[in-house]
N, C-alpha and C. Protein backbone atom coordinates (compact mmCIF):
# COMPACT_ATOMS: atom_id res chain seq x y z
N MET A 1 -5.80 47.48 201.97
CA MET A 1 -4.73 48.70 202.41
C MET A 1 -4.25 49.00 203.41
N PRO A 2 -3.56 49.79 203.42
CA PRO A 2 -2.72 49.98 205.16
C PRO A 2 -3.59 51.20 205.43
N GLY A 3 -4.04 51.14 206.44
CA GLY A 3 -4.62 52.19 206.91
C GLY A 3 -3.03 53.19 207.22
N ALA A 4 -3.52 54.35 207.60
CA ALA A 4 -2.08 55.92 207.82
C ALA A 4 -1.20 55.37 209.48
N GLU A 5 -1.78 54.62 209.78
CA GLU A 5 -0.61 53.68 210.84
C GLU A 5 -0.04 52.44 209.91
N GLY A 6 -0.09 52.16 208.96
CA GLY A 6 1.20 51.36 208.32
C GLY A 6 2.02 51.48 207.36
N THR A 7 2.66 50.87 207.95
CA THR A 7 4.40 51.22 207.65
C THR A 7 4.96 52.06 206.39
N VAL A 8 5.66 52.99 206.29
CA VAL A 8 6.27 52.75 205.18
C VAL A 8 6.21 51.87 203.59
N ARG A 9 7.08 51.30 204.57
CA ARG A 9 7.01 49.92 203.12
C ARG A 9 5.42 49.47 202.86
N GLU A 10 5.07 48.93 204.04
CA GLU A 10 3.48 48.39 203.15
C GLU A 10 3.29 49.41 202.44
N LEU A 11 2.71 50.34 202.33
CA LEU A 11 2.44 51.90 201.93
C LEU A 11 2.93 51.76 200.56
N ILE A 12 4.49 51.64 200.60
CA ILE A 12 5.18 51.70 199.45
C ILE A 12 4.54 50.14 198.40
N ARG A 13 4.32 48.89 199.68
CA ARG A 13 4.07 48.10 198.15
C ARG A 13 2.87 47.88 198.47
N ALA A 14 2.13 48.85 198.59
CA ALA A 14 0.19 48.94 198.35
C ALA A 14 0.17 49.74 196.63
N ALA A 15 1.51 50.86 197.09
CA ALA A 15 1.36 51.38 195.42
C ALA A 15 2.17 51.33 194.44
N LEU A 16 3.06 50.34 194.74
CA LEU A 16 3.29 49.75 193.66
C LEU A 16 2.14 48.00 192.66
N SER A 17 1.77 47.93 194.26
CA SER A 17 0.48 46.69 193.34
C SER A 17 -0.89 47.67 192.23
N ASP A 18 -0.68 48.72 192.32
CA ASP A 18 -1.39 49.36 190.69
C ASP A 18 -1.00 50.15 190.24
N THR A 19 -0.78 49.11 189.41
CA THR A 19 0.80 49.26 187.77
C THR A 19 -0.04 50.41 187.56
N ASP A 20 -1.35 51.80 187.47
CA ASP A 20 -0.98 52.41 186.73
C ASP A 20 -0.98 53.63 187.56
N PRO A 21 0.40 54.48 186.50
CA PRO A 21 0.53 55.16 186.92
C PRO A 21 0.08 56.83 187.36
N ASP A 22 -1.07 56.51 186.94
CA ASP A 22 -2.68 57.07 187.49
C ASP A 22 -3.30 56.05 188.41
N GLY A 23 -2.84 55.81 188.50
CA GLY A 23 -3.77 55.11 189.75
C GLY A 23 -4.32 55.59 190.54
N PRO A 24 -5.74 55.16 191.65
CA PRO A 24 -5.99 55.68 192.20
C PRO A 24 -5.68 55.66 193.66
N LEU A 25 -5.18 54.33 193.88
CA LEU A 25 -4.82 52.85 194.96
C LEU A 25 -3.26 54.07 195.46
N ARG A 26 -2.57 53.98 193.74
CA ARG A 26 -0.58 54.59 194.13
C ARG A 26 -0.75 55.79 194.39
N TRP A 27 -1.83 56.91 193.91
CA TRP A 27 -2.00 58.08 194.79
C TRP A 27 -2.48 58.34 196.03
N HIS A 28 -3.38 57.16 196.42
CA HIS A 28 -3.43 57.77 197.69
C HIS A 28 -2.86 57.68 198.44
N VAL A 29 -1.96 56.74 198.08
CA VAL A 29 -0.40 56.16 199.21
C VAL A 29 0.36 57.73 198.78
N ILE A 30 0.50 57.69 197.78
CA ILE A 30 1.96 59.21 197.79
C ILE A 30 1.37 60.42 198.33
N SER A 31 -0.38 60.44 198.55
CA SER A 31 -1.15 61.63 199.79
C SER A 31 -0.69 61.60 200.80
N MET A 32 -1.09 59.74 200.82
CA MET A 32 -0.43 58.89 202.53
C MET A 32 0.82 59.85 203.13
N LEU A 33 1.85 60.04 202.41
CA LEU A 33 3.33 59.95 202.25
C LEU A 33 3.82 60.97 202.77
N ARG A 34 3.06 61.91 201.49
CA ARG A 34 3.19 64.16 202.02
C ARG A 34 2.67 63.69 203.30
N GLN A 35 1.35 63.62 203.67
CA GLN A 35 0.81 63.47 204.27
C GLN A 35 1.88 63.40 206.18
N ARG A 36 2.65 62.71 205.78
CA ARG A 36 3.33 62.04 206.81
C ARG A 36 4.35 62.52 207.22
N GLY A 37 5.53 62.86 205.42
CA GLY A 37 6.38 63.70 205.58
C GLY A 37 7.17 63.48 206.97
N ASP A 38 7.88 62.61 206.92
CA ASP A 38 8.71 62.87 207.29
C ASP A 38 10.61 61.83 206.63
N LEU A 39 11.20 61.71 207.48
CA LEU A 39 12.30 61.04 206.90
C LEU A 39 12.30 59.88 206.77
N GLU A 40 11.30 58.65 207.25
CA GLU A 40 11.47 57.51 206.94
C GLU A 40 10.80 57.61 205.03
N SER A 41 9.51 57.75 205.64
CA SER A 41 9.15 57.92 204.28
C SER A 41 10.27 59.07 202.48
N PHE A 42 11.03 60.26 203.57
CA PHE A 42 11.98 60.28 202.18
C PHE A 42 12.98 59.14 201.54
N ILE A 43 13.47 58.82 202.94
CA ILE A 43 13.95 57.82 202.54
C ILE A 43 14.01 56.50 201.71
N GLU A 44 13.02 56.28 202.25
CA GLU A 44 11.63 55.05 201.02
C GLU A 44 11.51 55.46 200.10
N ALA A 45 11.96 56.46 199.53
CA ALA A 45 11.72 57.23 198.38
C ALA A 45 12.85 57.52 197.95
N ARG A 46 14.02 57.97 198.67
CA ARG A 46 15.35 57.64 197.80
C ARG A 46 15.74 56.79 197.36
N ARG A 47 15.33 55.21 198.20
CA ARG A 47 15.82 53.98 197.37
C ARG A 47 15.36 53.81 196.34
N LEU A 48 14.00 54.05 196.35
CA LEU A 48 13.16 53.76 195.18
C LEU A 48 13.63 54.46 193.66
N CYS A 49 14.34 55.75 193.91
CA CYS A 49 14.63 56.50 192.52
C CYS A 49 16.07 55.64 192.36
N ALA A 50 17.23 54.93 192.68
CA ALA A 50 17.78 53.98 192.57
C ALA A 50 17.63 52.91 192.26
N ALA A 51 16.28 52.57 192.47
CA ALA A 51 15.88 50.68 192.11
C ALA A 51 16.16 50.62 190.45
N GLU A 52 16.14 49.46 190.25
CA GLU A 52 16.52 49.22 189.20
C GLU A 52 15.06 48.83 188.25
N THR A 53 13.78 48.97 189.31
CA THR A 53 13.00 48.36 188.09
C THR A 53 12.36 50.47 188.05
N VAL A 54 11.58 50.56 186.58
CA VAL A 54 11.05 51.20 186.20
C VAL A 54 10.49 51.81 186.60
N ALA A 55 9.36 51.13 187.66
CA ALA A 55 7.50 51.24 187.95
C ALA A 55 8.60 51.91 189.48
N GLU A 56 9.67 51.90 190.01
CA GLU A 56 10.03 51.48 191.48
C GLU A 56 10.65 53.08 191.79
N ARG A 57 11.50 53.16 190.63
CA ARG A 57 11.97 54.11 190.68
C ARG A 57 11.16 56.05 189.87
N LEU A 58 9.38 56.00 188.84
CA LEU A 58 8.66 55.78 188.86
C LEU A 58 8.01 57.17 190.30
N LEU A 59 7.84 55.45 191.56
CA LEU A 59 6.62 56.12 192.80
C LEU A 59 7.77 56.72 193.39
N GLY A 60 9.32 56.53 193.55
CA GLY A 60 9.77 57.20 194.54
C GLY A 60 10.12 58.73 194.02
N VAL A 61 10.64 58.76 192.64
CA VAL A 61 10.24 60.28 191.92
C VAL A 61 9.17 61.35 192.34
N ASP A 62 7.53 59.90 192.15
CA ASP A 62 7.04 60.96 192.06
C ASP A 62 6.40 60.81 193.93
N ILE A 63 6.98 60.25 194.75
CA ILE A 63 7.08 60.51 196.04
C ILE A 63 7.44 62.29 196.77
N MET A 64 9.18 61.55 195.89
CA MET A 64 9.87 63.02 196.13
C MET A 64 9.39 64.03 196.02
N GLY A 65 8.83 64.61 194.68
CA GLY A 65 7.41 65.92 194.40
C GLY A 65 7.36 66.09 195.26
N MET A 66 6.84 65.82 196.44
CA MET A 66 4.95 66.17 197.06
C MET A 66 6.29 65.98 198.96
N LEU A 67 7.33 66.44 198.82
CA LEU A 67 7.79 65.76 199.49
C LEU A 67 8.64 67.70 200.61
N HIS A 68 8.02 68.29 199.81
CA HIS A 68 8.13 69.82 200.31
C HIS A 68 9.59 69.90 201.32
N ALA A 69 9.21 69.18 202.80
CA ALA A 69 10.57 69.25 203.52
C ALA A 69 11.37 68.93 203.49
N PHE A 70 12.26 68.17 202.80
CA PHE A 70 13.20 67.78 202.24
C PHE A 70 13.73 68.47 200.83
N SER A 71 12.88 69.01 200.74
CA SER A 71 13.60 69.51 199.20
C SER A 71 15.38 69.41 198.57
N ASP A 72 16.19 70.03 200.03
CA ASP A 72 17.44 70.32 200.04
C ASP A 72 18.28 69.31 199.62
N ARG A 73 17.79 67.42 200.44
CA ARG A 73 17.96 66.24 200.03
C ARG A 73 17.68 65.98 198.83
N THR A 74 16.03 66.64 198.49
CA THR A 74 15.56 65.74 197.47
C THR A 74 15.83 66.08 195.66
N LEU A 75 16.67 67.51 195.93
CA LEU A 75 16.76 68.29 194.31
C LEU A 75 18.40 67.66 193.67
N PRO A 76 19.04 67.54 194.91
CA PRO A 76 20.51 66.00 194.45
C PRO A 76 19.65 65.23 193.81
N VAL A 77 18.48 64.32 193.93
CA VAL A 77 18.53 63.06 193.44
C VAL A 77 17.91 63.27 192.25
N LEU A 78 17.05 63.97 191.88
CA LEU A 78 16.10 64.50 191.14
C LEU A 78 16.84 64.88 189.83
N ARG A 79 17.63 65.49 190.29
CA ARG A 79 19.73 66.00 189.27
C ARG A 79 19.55 65.20 188.52
N TYR A 80 20.09 64.20 189.34
CA TYR A 80 20.72 63.06 189.14
C TYR A 80 19.85 62.11 187.81
N LEU A 81 18.96 62.23 187.96
CA LEU A 81 18.23 61.16 187.44
C LEU A 81 17.73 62.11 186.14
N ALA A 82 17.75 63.43 186.63
CA ALA A 82 17.49 64.40 185.75
C ALA A 82 18.87 63.87 184.02
N ALA A 83 19.54 63.70 184.23
CA ALA A 83 20.99 63.61 184.13
C ALA A 83 21.38 62.03 183.59
N SER A 84 20.67 61.11 184.48
CA SER A 84 21.54 59.89 183.59
C SER A 84 19.93 59.48 183.31
N GLU A 85 19.08 59.41 184.01
CA GLU A 85 17.95 58.15 183.56
C GLU A 85 17.69 58.82 182.03
N ASP A 86 17.54 57.34 181.57
CA ASP A 86 16.70 56.54 179.83
C ASP A 86 15.60 56.74 179.57
N ASP A 87 14.35 56.17 180.89
CA ASP A 87 13.65 56.86 180.75
C ASP A 87 12.20 57.73 180.29
N ALA A 88 11.65 58.22 179.51
CA ALA A 88 10.78 59.80 179.35
C ALA A 88 9.69 59.47 180.76
N MET A 89 9.05 58.20 180.46
CA MET A 89 7.99 58.88 181.47
C MET A 89 8.76 58.67 183.19
N VAL A 90 9.42 58.17 183.36
CA VAL A 90 10.37 58.39 185.13
C VAL A 90 11.16 59.98 184.43
N LEU A 91 11.79 60.53 183.64
CA LEU A 91 12.07 62.09 183.22
C LEU A 91 11.42 63.09 183.52
N TYR A 92 9.74 62.68 182.97
CA TYR A 92 8.52 63.40 182.90
C TYR A 92 8.47 63.75 184.01
N SER A 93 8.53 61.84 184.88
CA SER A 93 8.00 62.43 186.46
C SER A 93 9.11 63.50 187.22
N VAL A 94 9.81 63.09 186.85
CA VAL A 94 10.89 64.12 187.38
C VAL A 94 11.22 65.56 187.13
N LEU A 95 10.90 66.16 186.25
CA LEU A 95 9.79 67.17 185.78
C LEU A 95 8.59 67.89 186.24
N ILE A 96 7.93 66.61 186.19
CA ILE A 96 6.75 67.08 187.66
C ILE A 96 7.34 67.59 188.75
N ALA A 97 8.00 66.85 189.24
CA ALA A 97 8.64 67.09 190.74
C ALA A 97 9.40 68.38 191.17
N PHE A 98 9.86 68.65 189.56
CA PHE A 98 11.10 70.06 190.24
C PHE A 98 9.75 70.63 190.06
N GLY A 99 8.21 70.93 189.10
CA GLY A 99 7.87 71.50 189.15
C GLY A 99 6.83 71.92 190.40
N HIS A 100 6.91 70.37 191.60
CA HIS A 100 5.68 70.59 193.36
C HIS A 100 6.64 71.16 192.99
N LEU A 101 8.18 71.35 193.42
CA LEU A 101 9.23 71.93 194.70
C LEU A 101 8.83 73.16 194.32
N ALA A 102 8.84 73.07 193.00
CA ALA A 102 9.39 75.11 192.82
C ALA A 102 10.35 75.90 192.58
N ASP A 103 11.65 74.82 193.16
CA ASP A 103 12.65 75.31 192.97
C ASP A 103 14.08 76.12 192.43
N PRO A 104 14.74 77.49 192.58
CA PRO A 104 14.76 77.17 190.94
C PRO A 104 16.58 76.29 190.81
N ARG A 105 17.08 75.58 191.79
CA ARG A 105 17.68 74.95 191.82
C ARG A 105 17.87 74.20 190.36
N SER A 106 16.81 73.69 190.46
CA SER A 106 15.92 72.72 189.61
C SER A 106 16.49 73.66 188.08
N LEU A 107 16.51 74.51 188.20
CA LEU A 107 16.27 75.39 186.17
C LEU A 107 17.40 74.69 185.02
N PRO A 108 18.66 74.59 185.44
CA PRO A 108 19.50 74.12 184.80
C PRO A 108 19.02 73.06 183.95
N SER A 109 18.50 71.94 184.55
CA SER A 109 18.20 70.22 185.17
C SER A 109 16.75 70.20 183.62
N VAL A 110 15.86 71.38 184.14
CA VAL A 110 14.42 71.39 183.57
C VAL A 110 15.31 71.73 181.86
N ILE A 111 15.98 73.35 181.56
CA ILE A 111 16.64 74.40 180.68
C ILE A 111 17.18 72.19 179.41
N ASP A 112 17.61 72.09 180.45
CA ASP A 112 18.81 71.05 179.08
C ASP A 112 17.52 69.44 179.44
N LEU A 113 16.79 69.20 179.61
CA LEU A 113 15.77 68.52 180.00
C LEU A 113 14.41 69.28 178.56
N ALA A 114 14.98 70.11 177.98
CA ALA A 114 13.09 70.18 177.15
C ALA A 114 13.83 70.52 176.01
N GLY A 115 14.93 70.29 175.51
CA GLY A 115 15.20 69.73 174.37
C GLY A 115 15.35 68.05 174.23
N HIS A 116 14.87 67.11 174.77
CA HIS A 116 14.31 65.85 174.92
C HIS A 116 13.82 65.90 173.62
N ASP A 117 13.91 64.85 173.00
CA ASP A 117 13.36 63.74 171.78
C ASP A 117 12.10 63.43 171.92
N ASP A 118 12.08 63.34 173.17
CA ASP A 118 10.38 62.78 173.52
C ASP A 118 9.14 64.06 174.19
N PRO A 119 8.37 64.42 173.56
CA PRO A 119 7.18 64.79 174.14
C PRO A 119 6.88 64.81 175.43
N ARG A 120 6.61 64.07 175.77
CA ARG A 120 5.95 63.86 176.89
C ARG A 120 7.32 64.45 177.80
N VAL A 121 8.43 64.27 177.54
CA VAL A 121 9.43 64.82 178.56
C VAL A 121 9.35 66.19 178.26
N ARG A 122 9.53 66.54 177.48
CA ARG A 122 8.88 68.52 176.55
C ARG A 122 7.94 69.22 177.39
N TYR A 123 6.90 68.43 178.03
CA TYR A 123 6.03 68.56 177.83
C TYR A 123 6.53 69.46 179.80
N GLY A 124 6.53 67.30 180.33
CA GLY A 124 6.83 68.16 181.84
C GLY A 124 7.80 69.42 182.19
N ALA A 125 9.06 69.32 180.56
CA ALA A 125 9.58 70.76 181.23
C ALA A 125 8.27 71.72 180.79
N ALA A 126 7.86 71.48 180.06
CA ALA A 126 6.50 73.22 179.96
C ALA A 126 6.56 73.80 181.58
N TYR A 127 6.23 72.52 181.91
CA TYR A 127 4.98 72.70 182.99
C TYR A 127 5.88 72.89 183.81
N ALA A 128 7.01 72.60 183.52
CA ALA A 128 8.19 72.84 185.56
C ALA A 128 8.65 74.31 184.73
N LEU A 129 9.08 74.63 184.20
CA LEU A 129 9.65 75.81 183.93
C LEU A 129 9.20 76.95 184.68
N GLN A 130 7.86 76.71 184.08
CA GLN A 130 6.72 77.82 184.44
C GLN A 130 7.31 78.21 186.54
N HIS A 131 7.35 77.03 186.69
CA HIS A 131 7.63 76.94 188.93
C HIS A 131 8.48 76.85 188.78
N VAL A 132 9.93 77.54 188.07
CA VAL A 132 11.30 77.02 189.01
C VAL A 132 11.87 78.33 188.14
N LEU A 133 11.28 79.46 187.00
CA LEU A 133 12.10 80.30 186.52
C LEU A 133 13.10 80.95 187.24
N GLY A 134 12.13 80.90 189.33
CA GLY A 134 12.61 82.09 189.69
C GLY A 134 12.03 83.50 189.20
N ASP A 135 12.21 84.35 190.81
CA ASP A 135 11.58 86.07 190.29
C ASP A 135 12.58 86.39 191.18
N PRO A 136 13.51 87.43 190.04
CA PRO A 136 13.07 87.37 188.50
C PRO A 136 13.36 86.94 187.90
N PRO A 137 12.59 86.59 186.47
CA PRO A 137 12.56 84.87 185.69
C PRO A 137 14.25 84.47 185.01
N ASP A 138 15.09 84.24 185.20
CA ASP A 138 16.20 83.82 185.11
C ASP A 138 15.76 84.01 182.95
N ARG A 139 16.53 84.21 182.68
CA ARG A 139 16.65 84.91 181.32
C ARG A 139 16.48 83.42 179.55
N ALA A 140 17.68 82.85 180.46
CA ALA A 140 17.94 81.51 179.47
C ALA A 140 16.55 80.62 179.92
N GLY A 141 16.03 80.44 181.15
CA GLY A 141 14.32 79.70 181.36
C GLY A 141 13.47 79.81 180.49
N LEU A 142 13.32 81.50 180.69
CA LEU A 142 12.36 82.07 179.90
C LEU A 142 12.59 81.91 178.55
N GLU A 143 13.42 82.30 177.91
CA GLU A 143 13.58 81.56 176.35
C GLU A 143 13.02 80.16 175.95
N THR A 144 13.69 79.40 177.08
CA THR A 144 13.48 77.96 176.81
C THR A 144 11.62 77.83 176.75
N LEU A 145 11.64 78.60 177.47
CA LEU A 145 9.44 78.42 177.60
C LEU A 145 9.71 79.12 176.46
N ARG A 146 9.99 80.15 176.11
CA ARG A 146 9.17 80.72 174.96
C ARG A 146 9.45 79.32 173.19
N ALA A 147 10.23 79.53 173.26
CA ALA A 147 11.17 77.95 172.38
C ALA A 147 9.77 76.83 172.33
N LEU A 148 10.24 75.82 173.59
CA LEU A 148 8.52 75.44 173.93
C LEU A 148 7.22 75.32 173.88
N ALA A 149 6.42 76.81 172.90
CA ALA A 149 5.42 77.53 173.02
C ALA A 149 5.64 77.09 172.15
N ALA A 150 6.65 76.81 171.01
CA ALA A 150 6.86 76.80 169.60
C ALA A 150 6.48 75.24 169.12
N ASP A 151 6.46 74.74 169.65
CA ASP A 151 7.68 73.87 169.97
C ASP A 151 6.30 72.36 168.54
N ALA A 152 6.37 71.76 168.23
CA ALA A 152 5.96 70.71 167.09
C ALA A 152 4.76 70.48 167.55
N ASP A 153 5.19 69.58 168.55
CA ASP A 153 3.96 68.67 169.30
C ASP A 153 2.96 69.68 170.09
N ALA A 154 1.07 69.78 169.49
CA ALA A 154 -0.13 70.67 170.88
C ALA A 154 0.43 71.06 171.60
N ASP A 155 0.88 69.73 172.84
CA ASP A 155 0.29 69.57 174.65
C ASP A 155 1.59 70.71 174.59
N VAL A 156 2.73 70.31 174.36
CA VAL A 156 4.32 71.00 174.81
C VAL A 156 3.48 72.59 174.20
N ALA A 157 3.00 73.01 173.17
CA ALA A 157 3.17 73.98 172.25
C ALA A 157 2.20 74.71 173.68
N GLY A 158 0.89 74.01 173.78
CA GLY A 158 -0.71 74.28 174.31
C GLY A 158 0.47 75.15 175.83
N TRP A 159 0.91 73.82 177.29
CA TRP A 159 0.95 74.76 178.36
C TRP A 159 2.57 75.27 177.97
N ALA A 160 2.98 75.47 177.32
CA ALA A 160 4.46 76.33 177.67
C ALA A 160 3.41 77.84 177.09
N SER A 161 3.03 78.43 176.32
CA SER A 161 2.03 79.19 176.15
C SER A 161 1.16 79.61 176.95
N LEU A 162 1.02 78.61 177.51
CA LEU A 162 0.00 79.38 179.55
C LEU A 162 1.06 79.72 180.00
N GLY A 163 2.20 78.97 179.84
CA GLY A 163 3.08 79.39 181.60
C GLY A 163 4.12 80.86 180.79
N VAL A 164 4.15 81.20 179.47
CA VAL A 164 4.92 82.35 178.64
C VAL A 164 3.28 83.03 179.03
N ALA A 165 2.90 83.33 179.38
CA ALA A 165 1.16 84.19 179.63
C ALA A 165 1.13 84.57 180.64
N LEU A 166 1.25 83.49 181.55
CA LEU A 166 1.54 83.66 182.98
C LEU A 166 2.46 85.20 183.38
N TRP A 167 3.70 84.22 182.77
CA TRP A 167 4.09 85.07 183.14
C TRP A 167 4.40 86.77 182.59
N ALA A 168 4.10 87.08 182.22
CA ALA A 168 3.82 87.92 180.86
C ALA A 168 2.79 88.59 181.49
N ALA A 169 1.45 88.01 182.09
CA ALA A 169 0.89 88.62 183.20
C ALA A 169 1.17 89.50 184.45
N ARG A 170 2.50 88.87 185.13
CA ARG A 170 2.79 89.53 185.88
C ARG A 170 3.23 91.03 186.51
């Protein structure tokens, strides 16, 4: 494993060698790239988001969700993926990234994905919504969060219910 002084490409190769999306090596690398927070990390993450393999797109999205300094450049890429991606895990990660970035400009994409067939994607939407509603909260976004609180999937409903409760307590 390259150290902090490793090139961004070396770090990305190391992360891609960990085939578990929740793997410790993968997330250690993502954390290192977050700490770097430099343009090179953003450019490589953006390149990964356009890759042919799901593993590369997933890694690119996960890195982008941690690069807050580049949110103005990240949001268009993530919104494009939200509208064009077919893989449910990549869509889930896009939604988690939206939640991490906490930018209300992603709200339309989150609302669109809240009705997805795959419960993993709806779960990601339930997570993201509570972070991107804006202040005061967007009415359509809040209604979408309430609708997800009644989702047939218990995990989706539970996370959305927590979000509704947190907004009600404000």
